[in-house]
Amino acid sequence: MLLRMQELISKGTKLPLHATVEVDKLLEGNKDVQKASPLVVELEAQAEADVVRVEGKLHVDLELACSRCLEPAHAHLDIPFFERFKQGVSDGDEDEADDIIMSKEDKINLQPYVEESLLLYVPFVPLCSEQCRGLCPKCGVNLNESQCDCSREVIDPRFAALKDLFKS
């Protein structure tokens, strides 16, 4: 996904950018992601004076491991994308440096920015459902499917010696 800034600025038109990106290699380090569909990129680039604005949406379907019960959890992500690019070197203006990505070259490869947006939107704690009860910490039974007879009593370890104080 290459974008030529000078060509876009000189024409002054909108440029639609549509692509499909395989993200299996990108997500292979994330242990929660079991499967990922290709990332669908639907962007539009437009020149604003000497700045190129790229915005749109990214779409991907993920199969993740639930953080509580380890069952598969499905997630469809619609990721907003917005970046601004300018050719040249930074002149030290702090406000501008935060908003605009400076590029020494006319060509910009958008793929690293698209991949970064995807990584930021992958759920940190995926859940199969909001009501997921998880696994029993003692016996490991999936509490969504069945109950176990393990004690759920939680005793503060600092007061554990006092629990037997009144037993005769």
N, C-alpha and C. Protein backbone atom coordinates (compact mmCIF):
# COMPACT_ATOMS: atom_id res chain seq x y z
N MET A 1 0.83 -1.17 0.00
CA MET A 1 0.00 0.00 0.00
C MET A 1 0.88 1.25 0.00
N LEU A 2 1.32 1.60 -1.17
CA LEU A 2 2.15 2.79 -1.31
C LEU A 2 1.30 3.99 -1.65
N LEU A 3 1.66 5.11 -1.05
CA LEU A 3 0.97 6.37 -1.29
C LEU A 3 2.00 7.38 -1.76
N ARG A 4 1.76 7.98 -2.91
CA ARG A 4 2.66 9.02 -3.43
C ARG A 4 2.05 10.38 -3.08
N MET A 5 2.70 11.06 -2.16
CA MET A 5 2.14 12.32 -1.63
C MET A 5 2.12 13.42 -2.67
N GLN A 6 3.22 13.67 -3.40
CA GLN A 6 3.28 14.79 -4.35
C GLN A 6 2.26 14.64 -5.46
N GLU A 7 2.06 13.42 -5.91
CA GLU A 7 1.07 13.18 -6.96
C GLU A 7 -0.33 13.50 -6.45
N LEU A 8 -0.62 13.11 -5.23
CA LEU A 8 -1.93 13.37 -4.64
C LEU A 8 -2.14 14.86 -4.39
N ILE A 9 -1.11 15.54 -3.91
CA ILE A 9 -1.20 16.99 -3.64
C ILE A 9 -1.37 17.76 -4.95
N SER A 10 -0.65 17.37 -6.00
CA SER A 10 -0.75 18.10 -7.27
C SER A 10 -2.11 17.91 -7.94
N LYS A 11 -2.69 16.71 -7.83
CA LYS A 11 -4.00 16.46 -8.45
C LYS A 11 -5.13 17.04 -7.59
N GLY A 12 -4.96 17.00 -6.26
CA GLY A 12 -5.99 17.54 -5.38
C GLY A 12 -7.26 16.73 -5.32
N THR A 13 -7.19 15.45 -5.65
CA THR A 13 -8.37 14.60 -5.63
C THR A 13 -8.29 13.62 -4.47
N LYS A 14 -9.39 12.92 -4.27
CA LYS A 14 -9.42 11.86 -3.26
C LYS A 14 -8.98 10.56 -3.91
N LEU A 15 -8.22 9.78 -3.16
CA LEU A 15 -7.72 8.51 -3.67
C LEU A 15 -8.20 7.39 -2.76
N PRO A 16 -9.09 6.51 -3.26
CA PRO A 16 -9.52 5.38 -2.43
C PRO A 16 -8.42 4.31 -2.39
N LEU A 17 -8.21 3.76 -1.21
CA LEU A 17 -7.21 2.71 -1.02
C LEU A 17 -7.91 1.50 -0.42
N HIS A 18 -7.98 0.43 -1.19
CA HIS A 18 -8.61 -0.80 -0.72
C HIS A 18 -7.60 -1.93 -0.85
N ALA A 19 -7.48 -2.72 0.21
CA ALA A 19 -6.53 -3.82 0.18
C ALA A 19 -6.95 -4.87 1.19
N THR A 20 -6.36 -6.04 1.05
CA THR A 20 -6.53 -7.13 2.00
C THR A 20 -5.13 -7.53 2.45
N VAL A 21 -4.93 -7.56 3.77
CA VAL A 21 -3.61 -7.83 4.32
C VAL A 21 -3.68 -9.09 5.19
N GLU A 22 -2.80 -10.03 4.92
CA GLU A 22 -2.69 -11.22 5.77
C GLU A 22 -1.99 -10.83 7.06
N VAL A 23 -2.58 -11.15 8.21
CA VAL A 23 -2.03 -10.71 9.50
C VAL A 23 -1.62 -11.89 10.39
N ASP A 24 -1.57 -13.09 9.83
CA ASP A 24 -1.20 -14.26 10.63
C ASP A 24 0.20 -14.11 11.23
N LYS A 25 1.16 -13.70 10.44
CA LYS A 25 2.54 -13.53 10.93
C LYS A 25 2.62 -12.42 11.98
N LEU A 26 1.85 -11.37 11.78
CA LEU A 26 1.85 -10.23 12.71
C LEU A 26 1.32 -10.64 14.08
N LEU A 27 0.31 -11.50 14.11
CA LEU A 27 -0.34 -11.87 15.37
C LEU A 27 0.17 -13.17 15.97
N GLU A 28 1.16 -13.80 15.35
CA GLU A 28 1.61 -15.10 15.86
C GLU A 28 2.27 -15.00 17.23
N GLY A 29 2.75 -13.86 17.64
CA GLY A 29 3.34 -13.70 18.97
C GLY A 29 2.31 -13.52 20.06
N ASN A 30 1.06 -13.25 19.70
CA ASN A 30 -0.01 -13.07 20.67
C ASN A 30 -0.65 -14.42 20.95
N LYS A 31 -0.47 -14.93 22.17
CA LYS A 31 -0.94 -16.27 22.52
C LYS A 31 -2.47 -16.37 22.57
N ASP A 32 -3.15 -15.24 22.73
CA ASP A 32 -4.62 -15.26 22.81
C ASP A 32 -5.26 -15.43 21.44
N VAL A 33 -4.59 -15.03 20.37
CA VAL A 33 -5.18 -15.09 19.03
C VAL A 33 -4.94 -16.48 18.46
N GLN A 34 -6.05 -17.18 18.19
CA GLN A 34 -5.95 -18.52 17.62
C GLN A 34 -6.07 -18.49 16.10
N LYS A 35 -6.96 -17.66 15.58
CA LYS A 35 -7.14 -17.51 14.13
C LYS A 35 -7.46 -16.06 13.83
N ALA A 36 -7.09 -15.64 12.63
CA ALA A 36 -7.41 -14.29 12.19
C ALA A 36 -7.75 -14.31 10.71
N SER A 37 -8.81 -13.63 10.35
CA SER A 37 -9.14 -13.48 8.94
C SER A 37 -8.23 -12.41 8.36
N PRO A 38 -8.13 -12.32 7.05
CA PRO A 38 -7.34 -11.22 6.47
C PRO A 38 -7.94 -9.87 6.87
N LEU A 39 -7.08 -8.91 7.06
CA LEU A 39 -7.48 -7.55 7.43
C LEU A 39 -7.96 -6.82 6.18
N VAL A 40 -9.18 -6.34 6.20
CA VAL A 40 -9.75 -5.60 5.07
C VAL A 40 -9.51 -4.11 5.33
N VAL A 41 -8.83 -3.47 4.41
CA VAL A 41 -8.46 -2.07 4.54
C VAL A 41 -9.30 -1.25 3.58
N GLU A 42 -10.05 -0.29 4.11
CA GLU A 42 -10.87 0.62 3.30
C GLU A 42 -10.52 2.04 3.72
N LEU A 43 -9.59 2.65 2.99
CA LEU A 43 -9.10 3.98 3.34
C LEU A 43 -9.32 4.95 2.18
N GLU A 44 -9.22 6.23 2.51
CA GLU A 44 -9.30 7.27 1.51
C GLU A 44 -8.25 8.32 1.84
N ALA A 45 -7.44 8.67 0.85
CA ALA A 45 -6.40 9.68 1.03
C ALA A 45 -6.82 10.95 0.32
N GLN A 46 -6.56 12.09 0.98
CA GLN A 46 -6.92 13.37 0.41
C GLN A 46 -5.88 14.40 0.81
N ALA A 47 -5.54 15.28 -0.13
CA ALA A 47 -4.55 16.32 0.13
C ALA A 47 -5.23 17.53 0.75
N GLU A 48 -4.57 18.08 1.77
CA GLU A 48 -5.01 19.33 2.41
C GLU A 48 -3.79 20.24 2.44
N ALA A 49 -3.67 21.12 1.47
CA ALA A 49 -2.48 21.97 1.30
C ALA A 49 -1.27 21.08 1.08
N ASP A 50 -0.29 21.06 1.98
CA ASP A 50 0.89 20.22 1.82
C ASP A 50 0.86 18.99 2.72
N VAL A 51 -0.31 18.69 3.29
CA VAL A 51 -0.49 17.53 4.18
C VAL A 51 -1.45 16.55 3.52
N VAL A 52 -1.15 15.27 3.64
CA VAL A 52 -2.03 14.23 3.12
C VAL A 52 -2.73 13.55 4.29
N ARG A 53 -4.05 13.59 4.27
CA ARG A 53 -4.86 12.96 5.32
C ARG A 53 -5.36 11.61 4.82
N VAL A 54 -5.13 10.57 5.60
CA VAL A 54 -5.59 9.23 5.26
C VAL A 54 -6.52 8.78 6.37
N GLU A 55 -7.76 8.44 6.00
CA GLU A 55 -8.71 7.98 7.01
C GLU A 55 -9.61 6.91 6.43
N GLY A 56 -10.21 6.15 7.33
CA GLY A 56 -11.10 5.09 6.90
C GLY A 56 -11.29 4.06 8.00
N LYS A 57 -11.56 2.83 7.59
CA LYS A 57 -11.83 1.74 8.52
C LYS A 57 -11.02 0.52 8.15
N LEU A 58 -10.72 -0.28 9.16
CA LEU A 58 -10.09 -1.58 9.01
C LEU A 58 -11.04 -2.61 9.61
N HIS A 59 -11.18 -3.77 8.97
CA HIS A 59 -12.09 -4.80 9.46
C HIS A 59 -11.35 -6.13 9.55
N VAL A 60 -11.56 -6.83 10.66
CA VAL A 60 -10.95 -8.14 10.83
C VAL A 60 -11.80 -8.98 11.78
N ASP A 61 -11.82 -10.29 11.55
CA ASP A 61 -12.47 -11.24 12.44
C ASP A 61 -11.38 -12.04 13.13
N LEU A 62 -11.48 -12.14 14.46
CA LEU A 62 -10.49 -12.87 15.25
C LEU A 62 -11.16 -13.97 16.06
N GLU A 63 -10.44 -15.06 16.22
CA GLU A 63 -10.84 -16.09 17.17
C GLU A 63 -9.79 -16.08 18.27
N LEU A 64 -10.23 -15.76 19.48
CA LEU A 64 -9.33 -15.59 20.61
C LEU A 64 -9.64 -16.62 21.68
N ALA A 65 -8.70 -16.84 22.58
CA ALA A 65 -8.92 -17.70 23.73
C ALA A 65 -9.47 -16.83 24.86
N CYS A 66 -10.61 -17.22 25.42
CA CYS A 66 -11.22 -16.47 26.51
C CYS A 66 -10.25 -16.43 27.69
N SER A 67 -10.11 -15.27 28.29
CA SER A 67 -9.17 -15.11 29.41
C SER A 67 -9.62 -15.80 30.69
N ARG A 68 -10.90 -16.12 30.79
CA ARG A 68 -11.42 -16.75 32.00
C ARG A 68 -11.57 -18.27 31.88
N CYS A 69 -12.09 -18.73 30.73
CA CYS A 69 -12.37 -20.17 30.62
C CYS A 69 -11.58 -20.87 29.51
N LEU A 70 -10.83 -20.13 28.73
CA LEU A 70 -10.00 -20.63 27.64
C LEU A 70 -10.78 -21.20 26.46
N GLU A 71 -12.10 -21.02 26.43
CA GLU A 71 -12.91 -21.43 25.29
C GLU A 71 -12.74 -20.40 24.18
N PRO A 72 -13.06 -20.76 22.93
CA PRO A 72 -12.92 -19.80 21.84
C PRO A 72 -13.87 -18.61 22.00
N ALA A 73 -13.36 -17.43 21.75
CA ALA A 73 -14.15 -16.20 21.77
C ALA A 73 -13.97 -15.53 20.41
N HIS A 74 -15.08 -15.17 19.80
CA HIS A 74 -15.03 -14.55 18.48
C HIS A 74 -15.18 -13.04 18.61
N ALA A 75 -14.41 -12.31 17.83
CA ALA A 75 -14.48 -10.85 17.86
C ALA A 75 -14.39 -10.31 16.44
N HIS A 76 -15.29 -9.42 16.12
CA HIS A 76 -15.23 -8.69 14.85
C HIS A 76 -14.81 -7.27 15.20
N LEU A 77 -13.68 -6.83 14.65
CA LEU A 77 -13.16 -5.51 14.96
C LEU A 77 -13.35 -4.57 13.78
N ASP A 78 -13.99 -3.43 14.04
CA ASP A 78 -14.08 -2.33 13.08
C ASP A 78 -13.19 -1.23 13.65
N ILE A 79 -12.03 -1.05 13.06
CA ILE A 79 -11.01 -0.18 13.60
C ILE A 79 -10.98 1.13 12.82
N PRO A 80 -11.18 2.26 13.50
CA PRO A 80 -11.05 3.54 12.80
C PRO A 80 -9.57 3.83 12.53
N PHE A 81 -9.31 4.46 11.39
CA PHE A 81 -7.93 4.78 11.01
C PHE A 81 -7.88 6.24 10.61
N PHE A 82 -6.92 6.98 11.17
CA PHE A 82 -6.73 8.39 10.81
C PHE A 82 -5.27 8.74 11.03
N GLU A 83 -4.60 9.14 9.96
CA GLU A 83 -3.20 9.60 10.02
C GLU A 83 -3.04 10.76 9.06
N ARG A 84 -2.08 11.63 9.38
CA ARG A 84 -1.73 12.75 8.51
C ARG A 84 -0.24 12.69 8.24
N PHE A 85 0.13 12.89 6.96
CA PHE A 85 1.52 12.79 6.53
C PHE A 85 1.94 14.08 5.84
N LYS A 86 3.23 14.39 5.99
CA LYS A 86 3.79 15.57 5.33
C LYS A 86 5.21 15.23 4.91
N GLN A 87 5.57 15.67 3.70
CA GLN A 87 6.92 15.43 3.22
C GLN A 87 7.86 16.49 3.76
N GLY A 88 9.03 16.07 4.18
CA GLY A 88 10.03 16.99 4.71
C GLY A 88 10.59 16.48 6.02
N VAL A 89 11.30 17.36 6.70
CA VAL A 89 11.84 17.01 8.02
C VAL A 89 11.16 17.88 9.06
N SER A 90 11.10 17.40 10.28
CA SER A 90 10.43 18.11 11.36
C SER A 90 11.15 19.42 11.65
N ASP A 91 10.35 20.49 11.80
CA ASP A 91 10.95 21.79 12.09
C ASP A 91 10.96 22.10 13.58
N GLY A 92 10.60 21.13 14.40
CA GLY A 92 10.67 21.31 15.85
C GLY A 92 9.39 21.82 16.48
N ASP A 93 8.35 22.10 15.71
CA ASP A 93 7.07 22.54 16.27
C ASP A 93 6.41 21.35 16.95
N GLU A 94 6.28 21.39 18.26
CA GLU A 94 5.81 20.25 19.04
C GLU A 94 4.36 19.88 18.72
N ASP A 95 3.48 20.88 18.55
CA ASP A 95 2.08 20.57 18.26
C ASP A 95 1.94 19.86 16.92
N GLU A 96 2.66 20.32 15.93
CA GLU A 96 2.59 19.71 14.61
C GLU A 96 3.21 18.33 14.62
N ALA A 97 4.29 18.14 15.37
CA ALA A 97 4.98 16.85 15.41
C ALA A 97 4.09 15.76 16.00
N ASP A 98 3.17 16.12 16.89
CA ASP A 98 2.29 15.13 17.49
C ASP A 98 1.22 14.65 16.52
N ASP A 99 0.77 15.53 15.64
CA ASP A 99 -0.34 15.20 14.75
C ASP A 99 0.08 14.67 13.40
N ILE A 100 1.20 15.14 12.89
CA ILE A 100 1.60 14.84 11.52
C ILE A 100 2.85 13.97 11.50
N ILE A 101 2.81 12.95 10.69
CA ILE A 101 3.96 12.06 10.52
C ILE A 101 4.80 12.62 9.38
N MET A 102 6.03 12.96 9.69
CA MET A 102 6.93 13.54 8.69
C MET A 102 7.63 12.41 7.93
N SER A 103 7.79 12.60 6.63
CA SER A 103 8.44 11.61 5.78
C SER A 103 9.47 12.32 4.90
N LYS A 104 10.65 11.73 4.82
CA LYS A 104 11.70 12.30 3.98
C LYS A 104 11.44 12.00 2.51
N GLU A 105 10.70 10.95 2.23
CA GLU A 105 10.45 10.53 0.85
C GLU A 105 9.03 10.87 0.43
N ASP A 106 8.83 10.85 -0.86
CA ASP A 106 7.51 11.10 -1.43
C ASP A 106 6.59 9.90 -1.24
N LYS A 107 7.15 8.70 -1.26
CA LYS A 107 6.37 7.47 -1.14
C LYS A 107 6.22 7.10 0.34
N ILE A 108 5.01 6.73 0.71
CA ILE A 108 4.75 6.28 2.08
C ILE A 108 4.13 4.90 1.99
N ASN A 109 4.71 3.96 2.72
CA ASN A 109 4.14 2.63 2.83
C ASN A 109 3.17 2.66 4.02
N LEU A 110 1.89 2.49 3.76
CA LEU A 110 0.88 2.57 4.80
C LEU A 110 0.75 1.29 5.63
N GLN A 111 1.33 0.20 5.17
CA GLN A 111 1.14 -1.08 5.86
C GLN A 111 1.60 -1.05 7.32
N PRO A 112 2.77 -0.49 7.67
CA PRO A 112 3.14 -0.47 9.09
C PRO A 112 2.16 0.31 9.96
N TYR A 113 1.56 1.36 9.44
CA TYR A 113 0.59 2.15 10.20
C TYR A 113 -0.72 1.39 10.37
N VAL A 114 -1.11 0.64 9.34
CA VAL A 114 -2.31 -0.18 9.41
C VAL A 114 -2.11 -1.31 10.41
N GLU A 115 -0.94 -1.95 10.37
CA GLU A 115 -0.66 -3.04 11.30
C GLU A 115 -0.61 -2.53 12.75
N GLU A 116 -0.05 -1.35 12.96
CA GLU A 116 0.00 -0.78 14.30
C GLU A 116 -1.41 -0.52 14.83
N SER A 117 -2.30 -0.03 13.98
CA SER A 117 -3.68 0.21 14.41
C SER A 117 -4.36 -1.10 14.80
N LEU A 118 -4.12 -2.16 14.04
CA LEU A 118 -4.69 -3.45 14.38
C LEU A 118 -4.18 -3.93 15.74
N LEU A 119 -2.88 -3.86 15.96
CA LEU A 119 -2.31 -4.33 17.23
C LEU A 119 -2.86 -3.55 18.42
N LEU A 120 -3.14 -2.28 18.23
CA LEU A 120 -3.68 -1.48 19.33
C LEU A 120 -5.12 -1.84 19.66
N TYR A 121 -5.85 -2.41 18.70
CA TYR A 121 -7.26 -2.73 18.92
C TYR A 121 -7.54 -4.19 19.27
N VAL A 122 -6.53 -5.05 19.25
CA VAL A 122 -6.75 -6.44 19.65
C VAL A 122 -7.10 -6.44 21.14
N PRO A 123 -8.20 -7.09 21.53
CA PRO A 123 -8.61 -7.06 22.95
C PRO A 123 -7.51 -7.58 23.87
N PHE A 124 -7.26 -6.84 24.94
CA PHE A 124 -6.23 -7.22 25.91
C PHE A 124 -6.70 -8.38 26.78
N VAL A 125 -7.98 -8.39 27.14
CA VAL A 125 -8.58 -9.45 27.94
C VAL A 125 -9.82 -9.95 27.19
N PRO A 126 -9.64 -10.87 26.24
CA PRO A 126 -10.80 -11.35 25.49
C PRO A 126 -11.71 -12.22 26.35
N LEU A 127 -13.01 -12.07 26.16
CA LEU A 127 -14.00 -12.86 26.88
C LEU A 127 -14.96 -13.50 25.90
N CYS A 128 -15.38 -14.74 26.18
CA CYS A 128 -16.37 -15.40 25.33
C CYS A 128 -17.73 -14.76 25.54
N SER A 129 -18.02 -14.28 26.75
CA SER A 129 -19.22 -13.51 27.06
C SER A 129 -18.95 -12.72 28.34
N GLU A 130 -19.72 -11.67 28.54
CA GLU A 130 -19.54 -10.84 29.73
C GLU A 130 -19.88 -11.63 31.00
N GLN A 131 -20.73 -12.65 30.89
CA GLN A 131 -21.14 -13.45 32.04
C GLN A 131 -20.25 -14.67 32.26
N CYS A 132 -19.15 -14.77 31.58
CA CYS A 132 -18.26 -15.93 31.70
C CYS A 132 -17.80 -16.07 33.15
N ARG A 133 -17.96 -17.29 33.70
CA ARG A 133 -17.61 -17.53 35.10
C ARG A 133 -16.21 -18.13 35.25
N GLY A 134 -15.60 -18.52 34.15
CA GLY A 134 -14.22 -18.99 34.18
C GLY A 134 -14.05 -20.41 34.68
N LEU A 135 -12.84 -20.71 35.13
CA LEU A 135 -12.48 -22.03 35.64
C LEU A 135 -12.37 -21.99 37.16
N CYS A 136 -12.68 -23.12 37.79
CA CYS A 136 -12.50 -23.22 39.23
C CYS A 136 -11.00 -23.21 39.53
N PRO A 137 -10.55 -22.34 40.45
CA PRO A 137 -9.12 -22.27 40.72
C PRO A 137 -8.56 -23.50 41.43
N LYS A 138 -9.44 -24.34 41.99
CA LYS A 138 -8.97 -25.53 42.71
C LYS A 138 -8.97 -26.78 41.84
N CYS A 139 -10.09 -27.06 41.18
CA CYS A 139 -10.18 -28.31 40.42
C CYS A 139 -10.13 -28.11 38.91
N GLY A 140 -10.30 -26.88 38.41
CA GLY A 140 -10.18 -26.61 36.98
C GLY A 140 -11.43 -26.84 36.17
N VAL A 141 -12.59 -27.09 36.79
CA VAL A 141 -13.83 -27.31 36.06
C VAL A 141 -14.29 -25.99 35.44
N ASN A 142 -14.78 -26.08 34.20
CA ASN A 142 -15.34 -24.90 33.54
C ASN A 142 -16.68 -24.59 34.22
N LEU A 143 -16.76 -23.49 34.94
CA LEU A 143 -17.95 -23.14 35.71
C LEU A 143 -19.11 -22.69 34.84
N ASN A 144 -18.90 -22.47 33.56
CA ASN A 144 -19.99 -22.17 32.63
C ASN A 144 -20.77 -23.43 32.29
N GLU A 145 -20.12 -24.58 32.36
CA GLU A 145 -20.74 -25.83 31.97
C GLU A 145 -21.28 -26.62 33.15
N SER A 146 -20.60 -26.59 34.28
CA SER A 146 -21.06 -27.35 35.46
C SER A 146 -20.51 -26.72 36.72
N GLN A 147 -21.09 -27.13 37.85
CA GLN A 147 -20.63 -26.65 39.16
C GLN A 147 -19.70 -27.70 39.77
N CYS A 148 -18.88 -27.26 40.68
CA CYS A 148 -18.03 -28.20 41.40
C CYS A 148 -18.32 -28.03 42.90
N ASP A 149 -17.80 -28.94 43.72
CA ASP A 149 -18.05 -28.90 45.16
C ASP A 149 -16.92 -28.24 45.93
N CYS A 150 -16.07 -27.53 45.26
CA CYS A 150 -14.95 -26.86 45.93
C CYS A 150 -15.46 -25.69 46.77
N SER A 151 -14.80 -25.45 47.87
CA SER A 151 -15.16 -24.34 48.75
C SER A 151 -14.79 -23.02 48.09
N ARG A 152 -15.71 -22.06 48.12
CA ARG A 152 -15.48 -20.74 47.55
C ARG A 152 -15.10 -19.72 48.64
N GLU A 153 -14.96 -20.21 49.87
CA GLU A 153 -14.64 -19.33 50.99
C GLU A 153 -13.23 -18.78 50.82
N VAL A 154 -13.13 -17.47 50.88
CA VAL A 154 -11.84 -16.81 50.73
C VAL A 154 -11.43 -16.26 52.10
N ILE A 155 -10.31 -16.70 52.58
CA ILE A 155 -9.81 -16.26 53.88
C ILE A 155 -8.54 -15.46 53.65
N ASP A 156 -8.51 -14.30 54.23
CA ASP A 156 -7.32 -13.46 54.16
C ASP A 156 -6.19 -14.21 54.84
N PRO A 157 -5.06 -14.43 54.17
CA PRO A 157 -3.98 -15.22 54.77
C PRO A 157 -3.43 -14.60 56.07
N ARG A 158 -3.62 -13.33 56.25
CA ARG A 158 -3.13 -12.70 57.49
C ARG A 158 -3.97 -13.13 58.70
N PHE A 159 -5.23 -13.53 58.46
CA PHE A 159 -6.12 -13.93 59.55
C PHE A 159 -6.39 -15.42 59.56
N ALA A 160 -5.69 -16.18 58.75
CA ALA A 160 -5.93 -17.63 58.65
C ALA A 160 -5.72 -18.33 59.99
N ALA A 161 -4.79 -17.88 60.82
CA ALA A 161 -4.55 -18.52 62.12
C ALA A 161 -5.71 -18.29 63.08
N LEU A 162 -6.50 -17.26 62.90
CA LEU A 162 -7.61 -16.96 63.80
C LEU A 162 -8.85 -17.77 63.52
N LYS A 163 -8.95 -18.40 62.33
CA LYS A 163 -10.19 -19.13 61.99
C LYS A 163 -10.43 -20.31 62.93
N ASP A 164 -9.40 -20.88 63.52
CA ASP A 164 -9.55 -22.03 64.42
C ASP A 164 -9.62 -21.58 65.88
N LEU A 165 -9.65 -20.32 66.18
CA LEU A 165 -9.61 -19.79 67.55
C LEU A 165 -10.82 -20.23 68.38
N PHE A 166 -12.03 -20.20 67.80
CA PHE A 166 -13.23 -20.51 68.56
C PHE A 166 -13.71 -21.95 68.37
N LYS A 167 -12.97 -22.77 67.68
CA LYS A 167 -13.34 -24.17 67.52
C LYS A 167 -13.01 -24.92 68.80
N SER A 168 -13.92 -25.80 69.24
CA SER A 168 -13.66 -26.55 70.46
C SER A 168 -13.32 -27.99 70.17
